[in-house]
Amino acid sequence: MTVRLERRGPIAVVTIDRPDKRNAFDGPTTQALDRALNEFEDDAALRAAVLTGGPHFFSAGTDVKSWAGAPTERGGPYGVAGRELRKPLIAAVEGVAAGGGFEIALSATMIVASTTARFAFPEVGLGLVAECGGLFRGPRALPLNIARELLLTGRPLSAVRAHQLGLVNQLTEPGSALAAAVELAEEVAAHAPVAVEESLAAVEAAYAEANTTGWKTTAQASARARATGDAVEGVAAFLERRPARFTGR
């Protein structure tokens, strides 16, 4: 089982558990996360959720050997990146959150991260683009020039810097992100559920039109990038652990 759901009173703790691949997503993992989040959203007794990858890493994004499978009906890419959350979802990040892993964190309602966390969009190094919300959620969550830097260079962003910039809500000591995220979720769950859900819905509605445009332009950018020889070379170089030789074609 690559995704587990644990109930802690009104809190659901959803754990991505594919450690041999640094929690990178294949098709079955996408389906498993979708099922877990559907279960959370459909259970009235659960008022908030925490999404974690465990104590060592959050997620390295897409498993480029097998890819992440098709978007799900309710959750979109990875079973979460296109989801219209009705209840709060807090990402608890330790270690790497790269590519799709960063985009999964960005799709959550809030982010708690330990000082070990690193966020990155490495896609340009593979001849690809951030396909699952990063192209529009990144500039929304971060200052524009910082988002541009991450998207165009693939450089990592430390959790400390991410907290300073407002991307991370709460910074913790190593190994403490999950506990802090659960505590934050419990604080949210202690309030009136309808008021919480309606507040979240109103905030998200303000970005609905921008999200529609963002997904459209992302699809266009992705299609063009994936049609190039550079995309083939970038993925091959990554799998072969060698520098890519890009030609612009």
C-alpha atoms as a PDB file:
ATOM      1  CA  MET A   1       0.000   0.000   0.000  1.00  0.00           C
ATOM      2  CA  THR A   2       1.621   3.267  -1.155  1.00  0.00           C
ATOM      3  CA  VAL A   3      -0.804   5.614   0.640  1.00  0.00           C
ATOM      4  CA  ARG A   4      -2.254   5.151   4.133  1.00  0.00           C
ATOM      5  CA  LEU A   5      -5.052   7.018   5.909  1.00  0.00           C
ATOM      6  CA  GLU A   6      -5.075   7.131   9.702  1.00  0.00           C
ATOM      7  CA  ARG A   7      -7.853   8.698  11.740  1.00  0.00           C
ATOM      8  CA  ARG A   8      -6.890  10.743  14.787  1.00  0.00           C
ATOM      9  CA  GLY A   9     -10.260  11.948  16.031  1.00  0.00           C
ATOM     10  CA  PRO A  10     -11.457  14.590  13.541  1.00  0.00           C
ATOM     11  CA  ILE A  11      -8.082  14.600  11.767  1.00  0.00           C
ATOM     12  CA  ALA A  12      -7.054  12.373   8.863  1.00  0.00           C
ATOM     13  CA  VAL A  13      -3.330  11.749   8.498  1.00  0.00           C
ATOM     14  CA  VAL A  14      -2.602  10.694   4.919  1.00  0.00           C
ATOM     15  CA  THR A  15       0.869   9.240   4.392  1.00  0.00           C
ATOM     16  CA  ILE A  16       2.577   8.699   1.044  1.00  0.00           C
ATOM     17  CA  ASP A  17       4.651   5.553   1.576  1.00  0.00           C
ATOM     18  CA  ARG A  18       6.921   4.671  -1.330  1.00  0.00           C
ATOM     19  CA  PRO A  19      10.299   5.190   0.336  1.00  0.00           C
ATOM     20  CA  ASP A  20      12.370   3.214  -2.167  1.00  0.00           C
ATOM     21  CA  LYS A  21      11.395   5.846  -4.783  1.00  0.00           C
ATOM     22  CA  ARG A  22      11.513   8.841  -2.410  1.00  0.00           C
ATOM     23  CA  ASN A  23       7.701   8.877  -2.635  1.00  0.00           C
ATOM     24  CA  ALA A  24       7.771   9.534  -6.383  1.00  0.00           C
ATOM     25  CA  PHE A  25       4.395   8.941  -8.012  1.00  0.00           C
ATOM     26  CA  ASP A  26       3.466   6.157 -10.393  1.00  0.00           C
ATOM     27  CA  GLY A  27      -0.089   5.456 -11.557  1.00  0.00           C
ATOM     28  CA  PRO A  28      -1.080   3.273  -8.592  1.00  0.00           C
ATOM     29  CA  THR A  29       0.178   5.892  -6.124  1.00  0.00           C
ATOM     30  CA  THR A  30      -1.905   8.579  -7.833  1.00  0.00           C
ATOM     31  CA  GLN A  31      -4.971   6.359  -7.583  1.00  0.00           C
ATOM     32  CA  ALA A  32      -4.237   5.523  -3.948  1.00  0.00           C
ATOM     33  CA  LEU A  33      -3.875   9.177  -2.915  1.00  0.00           C
ATOM     34  CA  ASP A  34      -7.092   9.999  -4.756  1.00  0.00           C
ATOM     35  CA  ARG A  35      -8.964   7.268  -2.872  1.00  0.00           C
ATOM     36  CA  ALA A  36      -7.590   8.416   0.486  1.00  0.00           C
ATOM     37  CA  LEU A  37      -8.545  12.048  -0.104  1.00  0.00           C
ATOM     38  CA  ASN A  38     -11.983  11.058  -1.399  1.00  0.00           C
ATOM     39  CA  GLU A  39     -12.493   9.084   1.804  1.00  0.00           C
ATOM     40  CA  PHE A  40     -11.415  12.079   3.867  1.00  0.00           C
ATOM     41  CA  GLU A  41     -13.685  14.489   2.034  1.00  0.00           C
ATOM     42  CA  ASP A  42     -16.689  12.151   2.132  1.00  0.00           C
ATOM     43  CA  ASP A  43     -16.478  11.441   5.888  1.00  0.00           C
ATOM     44  CA  ALA A  44     -18.312  14.160   7.821  1.00  0.00           C
ATOM     45  CA  ALA A  45     -16.512  13.154  11.015  1.00  0.00           C
ATOM     46  CA  LEU A  46     -13.174  14.202   9.513  1.00  0.00           C
ATOM     47  CA  ARG A  47     -12.757  17.971   9.546  1.00  0.00           C
ATOM     48  CA  ALA A  48      -9.156  18.469   8.398  1.00  0.00           C
ATOM     49  CA  ALA A  49      -6.328  16.388   6.996  1.00  0.00           C
ATOM     50  CA  VAL A  50      -2.544  16.316   7.064  1.00  0.00           C
ATOM     51  CA  LEU A  51      -0.605  15.003   4.078  1.00  0.00           C
ATOM     52  CA  THR A  52       2.880  13.695   4.858  1.00  0.00           C
ATOM     53  CA  GLY A  53       5.589  11.706   3.155  1.00  0.00           C
ATOM     54  CA  GLY A  54       7.081  10.518   6.417  1.00  0.00           C
ATOM     55  CA  PRO A  55      10.175  11.640   8.324  1.00  0.00           C
ATOM     56  CA  HIS A  56      12.742  11.637   5.508  1.00  0.00           C
ATOM     57  CA  PHE A  57      11.185  13.141   2.373  1.00  0.00           C
ATOM     58  CA  PHE A  58       7.858  14.504   1.170  1.00  0.00           C
ATOM     59  CA  SER A  59       7.863  13.519  -2.515  1.00  0.00           C
ATOM     60  CA  ALA A  60      10.306  13.587  -5.414  1.00  0.00           C
ATOM     61  CA  GLY A  61       7.384  14.125  -7.803  1.00  0.00           C
ATOM     62  CA  THR A  62       6.844  11.910 -10.836  1.00  0.00           C
ATOM     63  CA  ASP A  63       8.566   8.564 -11.227  1.00  0.00           C
ATOM     64  CA  VAL A  64       9.930   9.176 -14.728  1.00  0.00           C
ATOM     65  CA  LYS A  65      10.439   5.457 -15.309  1.00  0.00           C
ATOM     66  CA  SER A  66       6.731   4.710 -15.075  1.00  0.00           C
ATOM     67  CA  TRP A  67       5.140   8.203 -14.911  1.00  0.00           C
ATOM     68  CA  ALA A  68       2.288   9.184 -12.608  1.00  0.00           C
ATOM     69  CA  GLY A  69      -0.726   7.899 -14.503  1.00  0.00           C
ATOM     70  CA  ALA A  70      -3.773   9.808 -15.686  1.00  0.00           C
ATOM     71  CA  PRO A  71      -5.373  12.584 -13.619  1.00  0.00           C
ATOM     72  CA  THR A  72      -8.230  11.326 -11.467  1.00  0.00           C
ATOM     73  CA  GLU A  73     -11.815  12.496 -11.825  1.00  0.00           C
ATOM     74  CA  ARG A  74     -11.990  14.291  -8.465  1.00  0.00           C
ATOM     75  CA  GLY A  75      -8.349  14.962  -7.734  1.00  0.00           C
ATOM     76  CA  GLY A  76      -6.706  15.720 -11.051  1.00  0.00           C
ATOM     77  CA  PRO A  77      -2.940  15.145 -11.352  1.00  0.00           C
ATOM     78  CA  TYR A  78      -1.530  13.009  -8.513  1.00  0.00           C
ATOM     79  CA  GLY A  79      -5.085  12.720  -7.191  1.00  0.00           C
ATOM     80  CA  VAL A  80      -4.770  16.111  -5.488  1.00  0.00           C
ATOM     81  CA  ALA A  81      -3.321  18.903  -7.676  1.00  0.00           C
ATOM     82  CA  GLY A  82      -6.631  19.596  -9.415  1.00  0.00           C
ATOM     83  CA  ARG A  83      -8.855  18.897  -6.443  1.00  0.00           C
ATOM     84  CA  GLU A  84     -11.394  21.471  -5.260  1.00  0.00           C
ATOM     85  CA  LEU A  85     -10.767  21.023  -1.556  1.00  0.00           C
ATOM     86  CA  ARG A  86     -13.872  21.375   0.592  1.00  0.00           C
ATOM     87  CA  LYS A  87     -11.977  20.830   3.840  1.00  0.00           C
ATOM     88  CA  PRO A  88      -8.492  21.998   4.849  1.00  0.00           C
ATOM     89  CA  LEU A  89      -5.498  19.908   3.832  1.00  0.00           C
ATOM     90  CA  ILE A  90      -2.159  20.706   5.473  1.00  0.00           C
ATOM     91  CA  ALA A  91       1.095  19.496   3.908  1.00  0.00           C
ATOM     92  CA  ALA A  92       3.728  18.345   6.429  1.00  0.00           C
ATOM     93  CA  VAL A  93       7.047  18.519   4.594  1.00  0.00           C
ATOM     94  CA  GLU A  94      10.331  16.907   5.588  1.00  0.00           C
ATOM     95  CA  GLY A  95      13.216  16.663   3.132  1.00  0.00           C
ATOM     96  CA  VAL A  96      12.678  16.927  -0.606  1.00  0.00           C
ATOM     97  CA  ALA A  97       9.503  18.297  -2.205  1.00  0.00           C
ATOM     98  CA  ALA A  98      10.570  18.449  -5.834  1.00  0.00           C
ATOM     99  CA  GLY A  99       8.682  18.766  -9.092  1.00  0.00           C
ATOM    100  CA  GLY A 100       5.277  17.217  -8.573  1.00  0.00           C
ATOM    101  CA  GLY A 101       6.060  16.925  -4.882  1.00  0.00           C
ATOM    102  CA  PHE A 102       6.351  20.713  -4.682  1.00  0.00           C
ATOM    103  CA  GLU A 103       3.164  21.056  -6.735  1.00  0.00           C
ATOM    104  CA  ILE A 104       1.330  18.721  -4.347  1.00  0.00           C
ATOM    105  CA  ALA A 105       2.435  20.891  -1.421  1.00  0.00           C
ATOM    106  CA  LEU A 106       1.304  24.007  -3.285  1.00  0.00           C
ATOM    107  CA  SER A 107      -2.140  22.475  -3.822  1.00  0.00           C
ATOM    108  CA  ALA A 108      -2.605  22.033  -0.061  1.00  0.00           C
ATOM    109  CA  THR A 109      -4.348  24.648   2.066  1.00  0.00           C
ATOM    110  CA  MET A 110      -1.267  25.333   4.220  1.00  0.00           C
ATOM    111  CA  ILE A 111       2.313  24.071   4.513  1.00  0.00           C
ATOM    112  CA  VAL A 112       4.229  23.115   7.644  1.00  0.00           C
ATOM    113  CA  ALA A 113       7.887  22.276   6.974  1.00  0.00           C
ATOM    114  CA  SER A 114      10.931  21.277   8.965  1.00  0.00           C
ATOM    115  CA  THR A 115      14.278  22.940   8.439  1.00  0.00           C
ATOM    116  CA  THR A 116      15.351  19.920   6.371  1.00  0.00           C
ATOM    117  CA  ALA A 117      12.766  20.657   3.677  1.00  0.00           C
ATOM    118  CA  ARG A 118      13.776  21.748   0.200  1.00  0.00           C
ATOM    119  CA  PHE A 119      11.375  22.845  -2.530  1.00  0.00           C
ATOM    120  CA  ALA A 120      12.289  22.745  -6.225  1.00  0.00           C
ATOM    121  CA  PHE A 121      10.982  22.754  -9.783  1.00  0.00           C
ATOM    122  CA  PRO A 122      13.643  20.657 -11.589  1.00  0.00           C
ATOM    123  CA  GLU A 123      11.581  20.120 -14.746  1.00  0.00           C
ATOM    124  CA  VAL A 124      13.573  22.436 -17.046  1.00  0.00           C
ATOM    125  CA  GLY A 125      16.580  20.196 -16.431  1.00  0.00           C
ATOM    126  CA  LEU A 126      14.600  17.377 -18.071  1.00  0.00           C
ATOM    127  CA  GLY A 127      13.402  19.487 -20.996  1.00  0.00           C
ATOM    128  CA  LEU A 128       9.935  19.696 -19.433  1.00  0.00           C
ATOM    129  CA  VAL A 129       7.790  22.253 -17.593  1.00  0.00           C
ATOM    130  CA  ALA A 130       6.000  22.116 -14.247  1.00  0.00           C
ATOM    131  CA  GLU A 131       2.780  20.504 -15.440  1.00  0.00           C
ATOM    132  CA  CYS A 132       0.652  20.173 -12.310  1.00  0.00           C
ATOM    133  CA  GLY A 133      -0.030  23.694 -11.105  1.00  0.00           C
ATOM    134  CA  GLY A 134       3.461  25.002 -10.447  1.00  0.00           C
ATOM    135  CA  LEU A 135       3.413  27.475 -13.330  1.00  0.00           C
ATOM    136  CA  PHE A 136       0.550  29.421 -11.765  1.00  0.00           C
ATOM    137  CA  ARG A 137       0.550  28.418  -8.097  1.00  0.00           C
ATOM    138  CA  GLY A 138       4.267  29.112  -7.746  1.00  0.00           C
ATOM    139  CA  PRO A 139       3.964  32.803  -8.684  1.00  0.00           C
ATOM    140  CA  ARG A 140       0.850  33.069  -6.511  1.00  0.00           C
ATOM    141  CA  ALA A 141       2.507  31.670  -3.382  1.00  0.00           C
ATOM    142  CA  LEU A 142       5.901  33.334  -3.855  1.00  0.00           C
ATOM    143  CA  PRO A 143       7.200  36.710  -5.033  1.00  0.00           C
ATOM    144  CA  LEU A 144       7.115  36.678  -8.834  1.00  0.00           C
ATOM    145  CA  ASN A 145      10.858  36.892  -9.399  1.00  0.00           C
ATOM    146  CA  ILE A 146      11.540  34.112  -6.900  1.00  0.00           C
ATOM    147  CA  ALA A 147       9.019  31.888  -8.663  1.00  0.00           C
ATOM    148  CA  ARG A 148      10.619  32.709 -12.006  1.00  0.00           C
ATOM    149  CA  GLU A 149      14.041  31.822 -10.604  1.00  0.00           C
ATOM    150  CA  LEU A 150      12.846  28.429  -9.348  1.00  0.00           C
ATOM    151  CA  LEU A 151      10.974  27.592 -12.547  1.00  0.00           C
ATOM    152  CA  LEU A 152      13.781  28.663 -14.904  1.00  0.00           C
ATOM    153  CA  THR A 153      16.831  27.372 -13.031  1.00  0.00           C
ATOM    154  CA  GLY A 154      15.599  24.367 -11.060  1.00  0.00           C
ATOM    155  CA  ARG A 155      17.415  25.707  -7.975  1.00  0.00           C
ATOM    156  CA  PRO A 156      16.127  24.460  -4.610  1.00  0.00           C
ATOM    157  CA  LEU A 157      14.488  26.771  -2.089  1.00  0.00           C
ATOM    158  CA  SER A 158      15.253  26.054   1.558  1.00  0.00           C
ATOM    159  CA  ALA A 159      12.439  25.779   4.070  1.00  0.00           C
ATOM    160  CA  VAL A 160      13.929  28.653   6.062  1.00  0.00           C
ATOM    161  CA  ARG A 161      13.830  30.948   3.031  1.00  0.00           C
ATOM    162  CA  ALA A 162      10.373  29.626   2.071  1.00  0.00           C
ATOM    163  CA  HIS A 163       9.109  30.536   5.529  1.00  0.00           C
ATOM    164  CA  GLN A 164      10.595  34.023   5.246  1.00  0.00           C
ATOM    165  CA  LEU A 165       8.830  34.465   1.901  1.00  0.00           C
ATOM    166  CA  GLY A 166       5.454  33.295   3.243  1.00  0.00           C
ATOM    167  CA  LEU A 167       5.232  29.989   1.369  1.00  0.00           C
ATOM    168  CA  VAL A 168       5.607  27.953   4.562  1.00  0.00           C
ATOM    169  CA  ASN A 169       3.154  28.717   7.366  1.00  0.00           C
ATOM    170  CA  GLN A 170       5.164  27.143  10.162  1.00  0.00           C
ATOM    171  CA  LEU A 171       8.799  26.063  10.428  1.00  0.00           C
ATOM    172  CA  THR A 172       9.806  23.224  12.755  1.00  0.00           C
ATOM    173  CA  GLU A 173      12.828  21.291  13.905  1.00  0.00           C
ATOM    174  CA  PRO A 174      13.738  18.186  11.843  1.00  0.00           C
ATOM    175  CA  GLY A 175      11.274  15.368  12.413  1.00  0.00           C
ATOM    176  CA  SER A 176       8.580  17.627  13.884  1.00  0.00           C
ATOM    177  CA  ALA A 177       6.629  18.743  10.801  1.00  0.00           C
ATOM    178  CA  LEU A 178       3.939  16.070  11.143  1.00  0.00           C
ATOM    179  CA  ALA A 179       3.273  16.759  14.820  1.00  0.00           C
ATOM    180  CA  ALA A 180       3.074  20.503  14.195  1.00  0.00           C
ATOM    181  CA  ALA A 181       0.790  20.015  11.192  1.00  0.00           C
ATOM    182  CA  VAL A 182      -1.539  17.765  13.219  1.00  0.00           C
ATOM    183  CA  GLU A 183      -1.648  20.404  15.956  1.00  0.00           C
ATOM    184  CA  LEU A 184      -2.549  23.062  13.384  1.00  0.00           C
ATOM    185  CA  ALA A 185      -5.223  20.782  11.892  1.00  0.00           C
ATOM    186  CA  GLU A 186      -6.676  20.209  15.363  1.00  0.00           C
ATOM    187  CA  GLU A 187      -6.861  23.964  15.892  1.00  0.00           C
ATOM    188  CA  VAL A 188      -8.787  24.312  12.627  1.00  0.00           C
ATOM    189  CA  ALA A 189     -11.035  21.336  13.448  1.00  0.00           C
ATOM    190  CA  ALA A 190     -11.995  22.855  16.796  1.00  0.00           C
ATOM    191  CA  HIS A 191     -13.954  25.566  15.000  1.00  0.00           C
ATOM    192  CA  ALA A 192     -17.388  25.398  13.379  1.00  0.00           C
ATOM    193  CA  PRO A 193     -17.054  23.075  10.356  1.00  0.00           C
ATOM    194  CA  VAL A 194     -19.495  24.942   8.114  1.00  0.00           C
ATOM    195  CA  ALA A 195     -17.756  28.239   8.807  1.00  0.00           C
ATOM    196  CA  VAL A 196     -14.366  26.671   8.048  1.00  0.00           C
ATOM    197  CA  GLU A 197     -15.593  25.049   4.836  1.00  0.00           C
ATOM    198  CA  GLU A 198     -17.330  28.194   3.618  1.00  0.00           C
ATOM    199  CA  SER A 199     -14.281  30.332   4.401  1.00  0.00           C
ATOM    200  CA  LEU A 200     -12.076  27.954   2.438  1.00  0.00           C
ATOM    201  CA  ALA A 201     -14.539  27.829  -0.453  1.00  0.00           C
ATOM    202  CA  ALA A 202     -14.768  31.625  -0.655  1.00  0.00           C
ATOM    203  CA  VAL A 203     -10.989  32.025  -0.716  1.00  0.00           C
ATOM    204  CA  GLU A 204     -10.590  29.367  -3.403  1.00  0.00           C
ATOM    205  CA  ALA A 205     -13.424  30.836  -5.490  1.00  0.00           C
ATOM    206  CA  ALA A 206     -11.451  34.061  -5.803  1.00  0.00           C
ATOM    207  CA  TYR A 207      -8.846  32.143  -7.829  1.00  0.00           C
ATOM    208  CA  ALA A 208     -11.174  29.918  -9.861  1.00  0.00           C
ATOM    209  CA  GLU A 209     -10.906  31.906 -13.102  1.00  0.00           C
ATOM    210  CA  ALA A 210      -7.139  32.241 -12.770  1.00  0.00           C
ATOM    211  CA  ASN A 211      -6.851  28.492 -12.165  1.00  0.00           C
ATOM    212  CA  THR A 212      -8.819  27.732 -15.324  1.00  0.00           C
ATOM    213  CA  THR A 213      -6.493  29.956 -17.338  1.00  0.00           C
ATOM    214  CA  GLY A 214      -3.476  28.493 -15.568  1.00  0.00           C
ATOM    215  CA  TRP A 215      -4.389  24.907 -16.409  1.00  0.00           C
ATOM    216  CA  LYS A 216      -5.025  25.879 -20.039  1.00  0.00           C
ATOM    217  CA  THR A 217      -1.705  27.671 -20.510  1.00  0.00           C
ATOM    218  CA  THR A 218       0.114  24.918 -18.628  1.00  0.00           C
ATOM    219  CA  ALA A 219      -1.313  22.295 -20.991  1.00  0.00           C
ATOM    220  CA  GLN A 220      -0.124  24.342 -23.969  1.00  0.00           C
ATOM    221  CA  ALA A 221       3.374  24.767 -22.523  1.00  0.00           C
ATOM    222  CA  SER A 222       3.572  21.097 -21.588  1.00  0.00           C
ATOM    223  CA  ALA A 223       2.489  19.894 -25.036  1.00  0.00           C
ATOM    224  CA  ARG A 224       5.084  22.042 -26.763  1.00  0.00           C
ATOM    225  CA  ALA A 225       7.897  21.019 -24.411  1.00  0.00           C
ATOM    226  CA  ARG A 226       7.063  17.310 -24.542  1.00  0.00           C
ATOM    227  CA  ALA A 227       7.084  17.378 -28.360  1.00  0.00           C
ATOM    228  CA  THR A 228      10.770  18.366 -28.452  1.00  0.00           C
ATOM    229  CA  GLY A 229      13.850  16.223 -28.720  1.00  0.00           C
ATOM    230  CA  ASP A 230      15.119  18.035 -25.650  1.00  0.00           C
ATOM    231  CA  ALA A 231      12.401  16.385 -23.547  1.00  0.00           C
ATOM    232  CA  VAL A 232      13.484  12.948 -24.752  1.00  0.00           C
ATOM    233  CA  GLU A 233      17.142  13.804 -24.108  1.00  0.00           C
ATOM    234  CA  GLY A 234      16.427  15.337 -20.698  1.00  0.00           C
ATOM    235  CA  VAL A 235      14.599  12.300 -19.368  1.00  0.00           C
ATOM    236  CA  ALA A 236      17.177   9.927 -20.855  1.00  0.00           C
ATOM    237  CA  ALA A 237      20.020  11.898 -19.294  1.00  0.00           C
ATOM    238  CA  PHE A 238      18.278  11.861 -15.922  1.00  0.00           C
ATOM    239  CA  LEU A 239      17.775   8.104 -16.013  1.00  0.00           C
ATOM    240  CA  GLU A 240      21.351   7.562 -17.191  1.00  0.00           C
ATOM    241  CA  ARG A 241      22.704   9.994 -14.588  1.00  0.00           C
ATOM    242  CA  ARG A 242      24.622  12.139 -17.044  1.00  0.00           C
ATOM    243  CA  PRO A 243      24.489  15.792 -18.135  1.00  0.00           C
ATOM    244  CA  ALA A 244      21.830  16.490 -20.733  1.00  0.00           C
ATOM    245  CA  ARG A 245      22.835  17.762 -24.167  1.00  0.00           C
ATOM    246  CA  PHE A 246      20.061  20.155 -25.171  1.00  0.00           C
ATOM    247  CA  THR A 247      19.765  21.507 -28.715  1.00  0.00           C
ATOM    248  CA  GLY A 248      16.613  23.639 -28.567  1.00  0.00           C
ATOM    249  CA  ARG A 249      14.766  21.303 -30.897  1.00  0.00           C
END
